[in-house]
Amino acid sequence: MKQTLKVWTELPEAGIIDRSGTAREYKTGGWRTHWPLWDAEKCVHCLLCWVYCPEGAVQVEEGKVVGMDLDYCKGCGICAQECPPKVKAITMQWEEM
């Protein structure tokens, strides 16, 4: 029996962000395998981590990084990758279960 794939109009409806700000209602950081360890003393507040974070998990106040919101961090490591090589204020750590 040959199986055919559905076209996008036949797929079931999934989670919908129907208005701005609703993504904050869903904490999605619980399935990561790594988490970012931010070193405040090394940080130069260039904000590259904040710009590139796809989840908005980097917390910024008054133009400075103040921490990471692990409720939304998925552990992708983009923040650590974008932190300047001479700074390396963010390292990825294995998530202990």
PDB file of N, CA and C in Angstrom:
ATOM      1  N   MET A   1       0.838  -1.171   0.000  1.00  0.00           N
ATOM      2  CA  MET A   1       0.000   0.000   0.000  1.00  0.00           C
ATOM      3  C   MET A   1       0.888   1.240   0.000  1.00  0.00           C
ATOM      4  N   LYS A   2       0.649   2.141  -0.938  1.00  0.00           N
ATOM      5  CA  LYS A   2       1.441   3.359  -1.053  1.00  0.00           C
ATOM      6  C   LYS A   2       0.841   4.455  -0.170  1.00  0.00           C
ATOM      7  N   GLN A   3       1.702   5.081   0.617  1.00  0.00           N
ATOM      8  CA  GLN A   3       1.250   6.144   1.514  1.00  0.00           C
ATOM      9  C   GLN A   3       1.507   7.494   0.862  1.00  0.00           C
ATOM     10  N   THR A   4       0.529   8.371   0.855  1.00  0.00           N
ATOM     11  CA  THR A   4       0.714   9.708   0.281  1.00  0.00           C
ATOM     12  C   THR A   4       0.790  10.722   1.403  1.00  0.00           C
ATOM     13  N   LEU A   5       1.609  11.736   1.184  1.00  0.00           N
ATOM     14  CA  LEU A   5       1.756  12.798   2.169  1.00  0.00           C
ATOM     15  C   LEU A   5       0.667  13.835   1.989  1.00  0.00           C
ATOM     16  N   LYS A   6       0.265  14.444   3.078  1.00  0.00           N
ATOM     17  CA  LYS A   6      -0.744  15.489   3.028  1.00  0.00           C
ATOM     18  C   LYS A   6      -0.124  16.809   2.591  1.00  0.00           C
ATOM     19  N   VAL A   7      -0.907  17.617   1.942  1.00  0.00           N
ATOM     20  CA  VAL A   7      -0.458  18.974   1.605  1.00  0.00           C
ATOM     21  C   VAL A   7      -0.726  19.854   2.813  1.00  0.00           C
ATOM     22  N   TRP A   8      -0.144  21.041   2.844  1.00  0.00           N
ATOM     23  CA  TRP A   8      -0.214  21.886   4.032  1.00  0.00           C
ATOM     24  C   TRP A   8      -1.645  22.228   4.431  1.00  0.00           C
ATOM     25  N   THR A   9      -2.566  22.318   3.491  1.00  0.00           N
ATOM     26  CA  THR A   9      -3.951  22.650   3.826  1.00  0.00           C
ATOM     27  C   THR A   9      -4.687  21.503   4.497  1.00  0.00           C
ATOM     28  N   GLU A  10      -4.134  20.301   4.445  1.00  0.00           N
ATOM     29  CA  GLU A  10      -4.759  19.131   5.054  1.00  0.00           C
ATOM     30  C   GLU A  10      -4.198  18.793   6.436  1.00  0.00           C
ATOM     31  N   LEU A  11      -3.161  19.510   6.848  1.00  0.00           N
ATOM     32  CA  LEU A  11      -2.549  19.237   8.144  1.00  0.00           C
ATOM     33  C   LEU A  11      -3.441  19.733   9.274  1.00  0.00           C
ATOM     34  N   PRO A  12      -3.418  19.041  10.426  1.00  0.00           N
ATOM     35  CA  PRO A  12      -4.232  19.501  11.554  1.00  0.00           C
ATOM     36  C   PRO A  12      -3.687  20.811  12.121  1.00  0.00           C
ATOM     37  N   GLU A  13      -4.559  21.610  12.685  1.00  0.00           N
ATOM     38  CA  GLU A  13      -4.168  22.880  13.269  1.00  0.00           C
ATOM     39  C   GLU A  13      -3.346  22.620  14.531  1.00  0.00           C
ATOM     40  N   ALA A  14      -2.266  23.348  14.683  1.00  0.00           N
ATOM     41  CA  ALA A  14      -1.389  23.184  15.842  1.00  0.00           C
ATOM     42  C   ALA A  14      -1.427  24.458  16.683  1.00  0.00           C
ATOM     43  N   GLY A  15      -0.412  24.644  17.511  1.00  0.00           N
ATOM     44  CA  GLY A  15      -0.339  25.841  18.336  1.00  0.00           C
ATOM     45  C   GLY A  15      -0.296  27.091  17.478  1.00  0.00           C
ATOM     46  N   ILE A  16      -1.110  28.046  17.816  1.00  0.00           N
ATOM     47  CA  ILE A  16      -1.206  29.268  17.029  1.00  0.00           C
ATOM     48  C   ILE A  16      -0.881  30.458  17.913  1.00  0.00           C
ATOM     49  N   ILE A  17      -0.051  31.321  17.396  1.00  0.00           N
ATOM     50  CA  ILE A  17       0.190  32.598  18.061  1.00  0.00           C
ATOM     51  C   ILE A  17      -0.742  33.581  17.371  1.00  0.00           C
ATOM     52  N   ASP A  18      -1.888  33.821  17.994  1.00  0.00           N
ATOM     53  CA  ASP A  18      -2.935  34.614  17.356  1.00  0.00           C
ATOM     54  C   ASP A  18      -2.870  36.107  17.661  1.00  0.00           C
ATOM     55  N   ARG A  19      -1.990  36.486  18.564  1.00  0.00           N
ATOM     56  CA  ARG A  19      -1.805  37.906  18.871  1.00  0.00           C
ATOM     57  C   ARG A  19      -0.400  38.073  19.448  1.00  0.00           C
ATOM     58  N   SER A  20       0.125  39.250  19.382  1.00  0.00           N
ATOM     59  CA  SER A  20       1.489  39.456  19.866  1.00  0.00           C
ATOM     60  C   SER A  20       1.563  39.207  21.367  1.00  0.00           C
ATOM     61  N   GLY A  21       2.696  38.689  21.781  1.00  0.00           N
ATOM     62  CA  GLY A  21       2.930  38.438  23.195  1.00  0.00           C
ATOM     63  C   GLY A  21       2.471  37.091  23.712  1.00  0.00           C
ATOM     64  N   THR A  22       1.765  36.307  22.919  1.00  0.00           N
ATOM     65  CA  THR A  22       1.259  35.033  23.435  1.00  0.00           C
ATOM     66  C   THR A  22       2.336  33.978  23.575  1.00  0.00           C
ATOM     67  N   ALA A  23       3.450  34.129  22.876  1.00  0.00           N
ATOM     68  CA  ALA A  23       4.529  33.154  23.001  1.00  0.00           C
ATOM     69  C   ALA A  23       5.058  33.113  24.436  1.00  0.00           C
ATOM     70  N   ARG A  24       4.956  34.193  25.173  1.00  0.00           N
ATOM     71  CA  ARG A  24       5.415  34.252  26.556  1.00  0.00           C
ATOM     72  C   ARG A  24       4.574  33.372  27.477  1.00  0.00           C
ATOM     73  N   GLU A  25       3.364  33.003  27.034  1.00  0.00           N
ATOM     74  CA  GLU A  25       2.474  32.175  27.845  1.00  0.00           C
ATOM     75  C   GLU A  25       2.911  30.714  27.877  1.00  0.00           C
ATOM     76  N   TYR A  26       3.810  30.312  26.969  1.00  0.00           N
ATOM     77  CA  TYR A  26       4.206  28.917  26.844  1.00  0.00           C
ATOM     78  C   TYR A  26       5.679  28.751  27.176  1.00  0.00           C
ATOM     79  N   LYS A  27       5.976  28.209  28.332  1.00  0.00           N
ATOM     80  CA  LYS A  27       7.368  27.985  28.730  1.00  0.00           C
ATOM     81  C   LYS A  27       7.879  26.762  27.979  1.00  0.00           C
ATOM     82  N   THR A  28       8.939  26.956  27.209  1.00  0.00           N
ATOM     83  CA  THR A  28       9.399  25.915  26.288  1.00  0.00           C
ATOM     84  C   THR A  28      10.824  25.447  26.552  1.00  0.00           C
ATOM     85  N   GLY A  29      11.415  25.832  27.663  1.00  0.00           N
ATOM     86  CA  GLY A  29      12.801  25.488  27.907  1.00  0.00           C
ATOM     87  C   GLY A  29      13.037  24.150  28.571  1.00  0.00           C
ATOM     88  N   GLY A  30      12.005  23.379  28.808  1.00  0.00           N
ATOM     89  CA  GLY A  30      12.145  22.142  29.564  1.00  0.00           C
ATOM     90  C   GLY A  30      12.735  20.966  28.816  1.00  0.00           C
ATOM     91  N   TRP A  31      12.948  21.067  27.524  1.00  0.00           N
ATOM     92  CA  TRP A  31      13.441  19.909  26.781  1.00  0.00           C
ATOM     93  C   TRP A  31      14.876  20.066  26.279  1.00  0.00           C
ATOM     94  N   ARG A  32      15.571  21.080  26.723  1.00  0.00           N
ATOM     95  CA  ARG A  32      16.948  21.294  26.248  1.00  0.00           C
ATOM     96  C   ARG A  32      17.915  20.272  26.863  1.00  0.00           C
ATOM     97  N   THR A  33      19.049  20.080  26.220  1.00  0.00           N
ATOM     98  CA  THR A  33      20.098  19.208  26.749  1.00  0.00           C
ATOM     99  C   THR A  33      21.283  20.017  27.278  1.00  0.00           C
ATOM    100  N   HIS A  34      21.385  21.274  26.844  1.00  0.00           N
ATOM    101  CA  HIS A  34      22.446  22.175  27.304  1.00  0.00           C
ATOM    102  C   HIS A  34      21.822  23.510  27.697  1.00  0.00           C
ATOM    103  N   TRP A  35      22.489  24.230  28.570  1.00  0.00           N
ATOM    104  CA  TRP A  35      22.011  25.553  28.947  1.00  0.00           C
ATOM    105  C   TRP A  35      23.171  26.530  28.964  1.00  0.00           C
ATOM    106  N   PRO A  36      22.908  27.819  28.721  1.00  0.00           N
ATOM    107  CA  PRO A  36      23.979  28.801  28.672  1.00  0.00           C
ATOM    108  C   PRO A  36      24.386  29.263  30.071  1.00  0.00           C
ATOM    109  N   LEU A  37      25.681  29.228  30.322  1.00  0.00           N
ATOM    110  CA  LEU A  37      26.227  29.755  31.565  1.00  0.00           C
ATOM    111  C   LEU A  37      26.847  31.107  31.223  1.00  0.00           C
ATOM    112  N   TRP A  38      26.267  32.174  31.723  1.00  0.00           N
ATOM    113  CA  TRP A  38      26.699  33.539  31.421  1.00  0.00           C
ATOM    114  C   TRP A  38      27.593  34.050  32.536  1.00  0.00           C
ATOM    115  N   ASP A  39      28.769  34.560  32.184  1.00  0.00           N
ATOM    116  CA  ASP A  39      29.735  35.107  33.138  1.00  0.00           C
ATOM    117  C   ASP A  39      29.646  36.627  33.098  1.00  0.00           C
ATOM    118  N   ALA A  40      29.024  37.222  34.095  1.00  0.00           N
ATOM    119  CA  ALA A  40      28.809  38.670  34.143  1.00  0.00           C
ATOM    120  C   ALA A  40      30.121  39.459  34.141  1.00  0.00           C
ATOM    121  N   GLU A  41      31.170  38.897  34.725  1.00  0.00           N
ATOM    122  CA  GLU A  41      32.441  39.617  34.793  1.00  0.00           C
ATOM    123  C   GLU A  41      33.147  39.682  33.444  1.00  0.00           C
ATOM    124  N   LYS A  42      32.948  38.694  32.596  1.00  0.00           N
ATOM    125  CA  LYS A  42      33.563  38.690  31.265  1.00  0.00           C
ATOM    126  C   LYS A  42      32.745  39.478  30.245  1.00  0.00           C
ATOM    127  N   CYS A  43      31.446  39.595  30.476  1.00  0.00           N
ATOM    128  CA  CYS A  43      30.529  40.187  29.492  1.00  0.00           C
ATOM    129  C   CYS A  43      30.866  41.658  29.220  1.00  0.00           C
ATOM    130  N   VAL A  44      30.901  42.024  27.943  1.00  0.00           N
ATOM    131  CA  VAL A  44      31.153  43.411  27.533  1.00  0.00           C
ATOM    132  C   VAL A  44      29.856  44.081  27.067  1.00  0.00           C
ATOM    133  N   HIS A  45      28.736  43.389  27.176  1.00  0.00           N
ATOM    134  CA  HIS A  45      27.405  43.904  26.846  1.00  0.00           C
ATOM    135  C   HIS A  45      27.300  44.392  25.404  1.00  0.00           C
ATOM    136  N   CYS A  46      27.863  43.606  24.504  1.00  0.00           N
ATOM    137  CA  CYS A  46      27.773  43.926  23.075  1.00  0.00           C
ATOM    138  C   CYS A  46      26.378  43.605  22.534  1.00  0.00           C
ATOM    139  N   LEU A  47      25.632  42.775  23.260  1.00  0.00           N
ATOM    140  CA  LEU A  47      24.259  42.376  22.954  1.00  0.00           C
ATOM    141  C   LEU A  47      24.116  41.478  21.733  1.00  0.00           C
ATOM    142  N   LEU A  48      25.219  40.914  21.239  1.00  0.00           N
ATOM    143  CA  LEU A  48      25.116  39.986  20.109  1.00  0.00           C
ATOM    144  C   LEU A  48      24.303  38.751  20.499  1.00  0.00           C
ATOM    145  N   CYS A  49      24.456  38.286  21.718  1.00  0.00           N
ATOM    146  CA  CYS A  49      23.681  37.123  22.184  1.00  0.00           C
ATOM    147  C   CYS A  49      22.187  37.444  22.153  1.00  0.00           C
ATOM    148  N   TRP A  50      21.836  38.623  22.571  1.00  0.00           N
ATOM    149  CA  TRP A  50      20.435  39.054  22.603  1.00  0.00           C
ATOM    150  C   TRP A  50      19.862  39.179  21.188  1.00  0.00           C
ATOM    151  N   VAL A  51      20.654  39.736  20.278  1.00  0.00           N
ATOM    152  CA  VAL A  51      20.208  39.914  18.898  1.00  0.00           C
ATOM    153  C   VAL A  51      19.955  38.565  18.227  1.00  0.00           C
ATOM    154  N   TYR A  52      20.842  37.609  18.430  1.00  0.00           N
ATOM    155  CA  TYR A  52      20.770  36.331  17.718  1.00  0.00           C
ATOM    156  C   TYR A  52      19.925  35.264  18.409  1.00  0.00           C
ATOM    157  N   CYS A  53      19.593  35.424  19.677  1.00  0.00           N
ATOM    158  CA  CYS A  53      18.794  34.413  20.384  1.00  0.00           C
ATOM    159  C   CYS A  53      17.425  34.295  19.727  1.00  0.00           C
ATOM    160  N   PRO A  54      17.092  33.118  19.195  1.00  0.00           N
ATOM    161  CA  PRO A  54      15.801  32.971  18.511  1.00  0.00           C
ATOM    162  C   PRO A  54      14.604  32.927  19.465  1.00  0.00           C
ATOM    163  N   GLU A  55      14.840  32.785  20.743  1.00  0.00           N
ATOM    164  CA  GLU A  55      13.743  32.654  21.705  1.00  0.00           C
ATOM    165  C   GLU A  55      13.594  33.843  22.641  1.00  0.00           C
ATOM    166  N   GLY A  56      14.470  34.819  22.560  1.00  0.00           N
ATOM    167  CA  GLY A  56      14.391  35.953  23.470  1.00  0.00           C
ATOM    168  C   GLY A  56      14.713  35.578  24.900  1.00  0.00           C
ATOM    169  N   ALA A  57      15.559  34.586  25.072  1.00  0.00           N
ATOM    170  CA  ALA A  57      15.892  34.113  26.415  1.00  0.00           C
ATOM    171  C   ALA A  57      16.956  34.962  27.105  1.00  0.00           C
ATOM    172  N   VAL A  58      17.659  35.799  26.350  1.00  0.00           N
ATOM    173  CA  VAL A  58      18.675  36.667  26.942  1.00  0.00           C
ATOM    174  C   VAL A  58      17.962  37.871  27.552  1.00  0.00           C
ATOM    175  N   GLN A  59      18.167  38.087  28.826  1.00  0.00           N
ATOM    176  CA  GLN A  59      17.505  39.183  29.528  1.00  0.00           C
ATOM    177  C   GLN A  59      18.386  40.422  29.508  1.00  0.00           C
ATOM    178  N   VAL A  60      17.802  41.538  29.077  1.00  0.00           N
ATOM    179  CA  VAL A  60      18.526  42.802  28.968  1.00  0.00           C
ATOM    180  C   VAL A  60      17.751  43.886  29.703  1.00  0.00           C
ATOM    181  N   GLU A  61      18.467  44.682  30.482  1.00  0.00           N
ATOM    182  CA  GLU A  61      17.882  45.843  31.158  1.00  0.00           C
ATOM    183  C   GLU A  61      18.826  47.016  30.975  1.00  0.00           C
ATOM    184  N   GLU A  62      18.277  48.133  30.551  1.00  0.00           N
ATOM    185  CA  GLU A  62      19.042  49.365  30.348  1.00  0.00           C
ATOM    186  C   GLU A  62      20.272  49.139  29.482  1.00  0.00           C
ATOM    187  N   GLY A  63      20.116  48.360  28.422  1.00  0.00           N
ATOM    188  CA  GLY A  63      21.200  48.142  27.465  1.00  0.00           C
ATOM    189  C   GLY A  63      22.287  47.191  27.923  1.00  0.00           C
ATOM    190  N   LYS A  64      22.052  46.435  28.979  1.00  0.00           N
ATOM    191  CA  LYS A  64      23.052  45.491  29.477  1.00  0.00           C
ATOM    192  C   LYS A  64      22.415  44.122  29.714  1.00  0.00           C
ATOM    193  N   VAL A  65      23.174  43.075  29.420  1.00  0.00           N
ATOM    194  CA  VAL A  65      22.723  41.716  29.696  1.00  0.00           C
ATOM    195  C   VAL A  65      22.687  41.527  31.211  1.00  0.00           C
ATOM    196  N   VAL A  66      21.573  40.972  31.707  1.00  0.00           N
ATOM    197  CA  VAL A  66      21.455  40.740  33.147  1.00  0.00           C
ATOM    198  C   VAL A  66      21.248  39.269  33.477  1.00  0.00           C
ATOM    199  N   GLY A  67      21.108  38.425  32.451  1.00  0.00           N
ATOM    200  CA  GLY A  67      20.935  37.001  32.705  1.00  0.00           C
ATOM    201  C   GLY A  67      20.258  36.283  31.566  1.00  0.00           C
ATOM    202  N   MET A  68      19.935  35.013  31.810  1.00  0.00           N
ATOM    203  CA  MET A  68      19.278  34.162  30.824  1.00  0.00           C
ATOM    204  C   MET A  68      17.975  33.635  31.420  1.00  0.00           C
ATOM    205  N   ASP A  69      16.916  33.680  30.647  1.00  0.00           N
ATOM    206  CA  ASP A  69      15.627  33.166  31.077  1.00  0.00           C
ATOM    207  C   ASP A  69      15.517  31.712  30.631  1.00  0.00           C
ATOM    208  N   LEU A  70      15.840  30.793  31.519  1.00  0.00           N
ATOM    209  CA  LEU A  70      15.882  29.378  31.177  1.00  0.00           C
ATOM    210  C   LEU A  70      14.495  28.768  30.961  1.00  0.00           C
ATOM    211  N   ASP A  71      13.439  29.498  31.296  1.00  0.00           N
ATOM    212  CA  ASP A  71      12.085  29.013  31.001  1.00  0.00           C
ATOM    213  C   ASP A  71      11.845  28.958  29.489  1.00  0.00           C
ATOM    214  N   TYR A  72      12.586  29.755  28.717  1.00  0.00           N
ATOM    215  CA  TYR A  72      12.383  29.816  27.278  1.00  0.00           C
ATOM    216  C   TYR A  72      13.598  29.368  26.470  1.00  0.00           C
ATOM    217  N   CYS A  73      14.749  29.235  27.106  1.00  0.00           N
ATOM    218  CA  CYS A  73      15.967  28.800  26.408  1.00  0.00           C
ATOM    219  C   CYS A  73      15.828  27.340  25.982  1.00  0.00           C
ATOM    220  N   LYS A  74      16.112  27.085  24.725  1.00  0.00           N
ATOM    221  CA  LYS A  74      16.040  25.715  24.204  1.00  0.00           C
ATOM    222  C   LYS A  74      17.416  25.067  24.081  1.00  0.00           C
ATOM    223  N   GLY A  75      18.460  25.776  24.505  1.00  0.00           N
ATOM    224  CA  GLY A  75      19.792  25.199  24.532  1.00  0.00           C
ATOM    225  C   GLY A  75      20.471  25.095  23.181  1.00  0.00           C
ATOM    226  N   CYS A  76      20.101  25.939  22.228  1.00  0.00           N
ATOM    227  CA  CYS A  76      20.656  25.842  20.881  1.00  0.00           C
ATOM    228  C   CYS A  76      22.129  26.261  20.824  1.00  0.00           C
ATOM    229  N   GLY A  77      22.576  27.118  21.736  1.00  0.00           N
ATOM    230  CA  GLY A  77      23.967  27.538  21.781  1.00  0.00           C
ATOM    231  C   GLY A  77      24.322  28.693  20.869  1.00  0.00           C
ATOM    232  N   ILE A  78      23.343  29.287  20.207  1.00  0.00           N
ATOM    233  CA  ILE A  78      23.632  30.414  19.323  1.00  0.00           C
ATOM    234  C   ILE A  78      24.232  31.575  20.115  1.00  0.00           C
ATOM    235  N   CYS A  79      23.742  31.818  21.311  1.00  0.00           N
ATOM    236  CA  CYS A  79      24.269  32.920  22.127  1.00  0.00           C
ATOM    237  C   CYS A  79      25.762  32.725  22.400  1.00  0.00           C
ATOM    238  N   ALA A  80      26.158  31.508  22.750  1.00  0.00           N
ATOM    239  CA  ALA A  80      27.568  31.221  23.018  1.00  0.00           C
ATOM    240  C   ALA A  80      28.409  31.326  21.750  1.00  0.00           C
ATOM    241  N   GLN A  81      27.840  30.900  20.630  1.00  0.00           N
ATOM    242  CA  GLN A  81      28.541  30.958  19.350  1.00  0.00           C
ATOM    243  C   GLN A  81      28.777  32.406  18.917  1.00  0.00           C
ATOM    244  N   GLU A  82      27.812  33.281  19.173  1.00  0.00           N
ATOM    245  CA  GLU A  82      27.906  34.676  18.736  1.00  0.00           C
ATOM    246  C   GLU A  82      28.690  35.562  19.694  1.00  0.00           C
ATOM    247  N   CYS A  83      28.906  35.114  20.905  1.00  0.00           N
ATOM    248  CA  CYS A  83      29.713  35.881  21.855  1.00  0.00           C
ATOM    249  C   CYS A  83      31.120  36.008  21.276  1.00  0.00           C
ATOM    250  N   PRO A  84      31.671  37.231  21.215  1.00  0.00           N
ATOM    251  CA  PRO A  84      32.981  37.420  20.592  1.00  0.00           C
ATOM    252  C   PRO A  84      34.046  36.467  21.152  1.00  0.00           C
ATOM    253  N   PRO A  85      34.886  35.907  20.262  1.00  0.00           N
ATOM    254  CA  PRO A  85      35.908  34.937  20.688  1.00  0.00           C
ATOM    255  C   PRO A  85      36.847  35.441  21.782  1.00  0.00           C
ATOM    256  N   LYS A  86      37.141  36.728  21.792  1.00  0.00           N
ATOM    257  CA  LYS A  86      38.043  37.258  22.824  1.00  0.00           C
ATOM    258  C   LYS A  86      37.330  37.467  24.154  1.00  0.00           C
ATOM    259  N   VAL A  87      36.013  37.385  24.148  1.00  0.00           N
ATOM    260  CA  VAL A  87      35.229  37.599  25.368  1.00  0.00           C
ATOM    261  C   VAL A  87      34.809  36.271  25.979  1.00  0.00           C
ATOM    262  N   LYS A  88      34.112  35.451  25.220  1.00  0.00           N
ATOM    263  CA  LYS A  88      33.597  34.141  25.647  1.00  0.00           C
ATOM    264  C   LYS A  88      32.927  34.213  27.028  1.00  0.00           C
ATOM    265  N   ALA A  89      31.941  35.098  27.136  1.00  0.00           N
ATOM    266  CA  ALA A  89      31.205  35.247  28.395  1.00  0.00           C
ATOM    267  C   ALA A  89      30.100  34.213  28.542  1.00  0.00           C
ATOM    268  N   ILE A  90      29.819  33.451  27.470  1.00  0.00           N
ATOM    269  CA  ILE A  90      28.772  32.434  27.528  1.00  0.00           C
ATOM    270  C   ILE A  90      29.354  31.093  27.106  1.00  0.00           C
ATOM    271  N   THR A  91      29.172  30.104  27.952  1.00  0.00           N
ATOM    272  CA  THR A  91      29.566  28.739  27.615  1.00  0.00           C
ATOM    273  C   THR A  91      28.350  27.844  27.793  1.00  0.00           C
ATOM    274  N   MET A  92      28.269  26.809  27.005  1.00  0.00           N
ATOM    275  CA  MET A  92      27.137  25.882  27.097  1.00  0.00           C
ATOM    276  C   MET A  92      27.512  24.759  28.052  1.00  0.00           C
ATOM    277  N   GLN A  93      26.602  24.479  28.979  1.00  0.00           N
ATOM    278  CA  GLN A  93      26.808  23.441  29.990  1.00  0.00           C
ATOM    279  C   GLN A  93      25.796  22.322  29.778  1.00  0.00           C
ATOM    280  N   TRP A  94      26.202  21.108  30.064  1.00  0.00           N
ATOM    281  CA  TRP A  94      25.308  19.954  29.950  1.00  0.00           C
ATOM    282  C   TRP A  94      24.199  20.094  31.007  1.00  0.00           C
ATOM    283  N   GLU A  95      22.981  19.869  30.589  1.00  0.00           N
ATOM    284  CA  GLU A  95      21.828  19.929  31.486  1.00  0.00           C
ATOM    285  C   GLU A  95      21.792  18.658  32.338  1.00  0.00           C
ATOM    286  N   GLU A  96      21.940  18.808  33.622  1.00  0.00           N
ATOM    287  CA  GLU A  96      21.900  17.650  34.538  1.00  0.00           C
ATOM    288  C   GLU A  96      20.449  17.332  34.851  1.00  0.00           C
ATOM    289  N   MET A  97      20.074  16.102  34.698  1.00  0.00           N
ATOM    290  CA  MET A  97      18.676  15.681  34.947  1.00  0.00           C
ATOM    291  C   MET A  97      18.507  15.242  36.375  1.00  0.00           C
TER     292      MET A  97
END
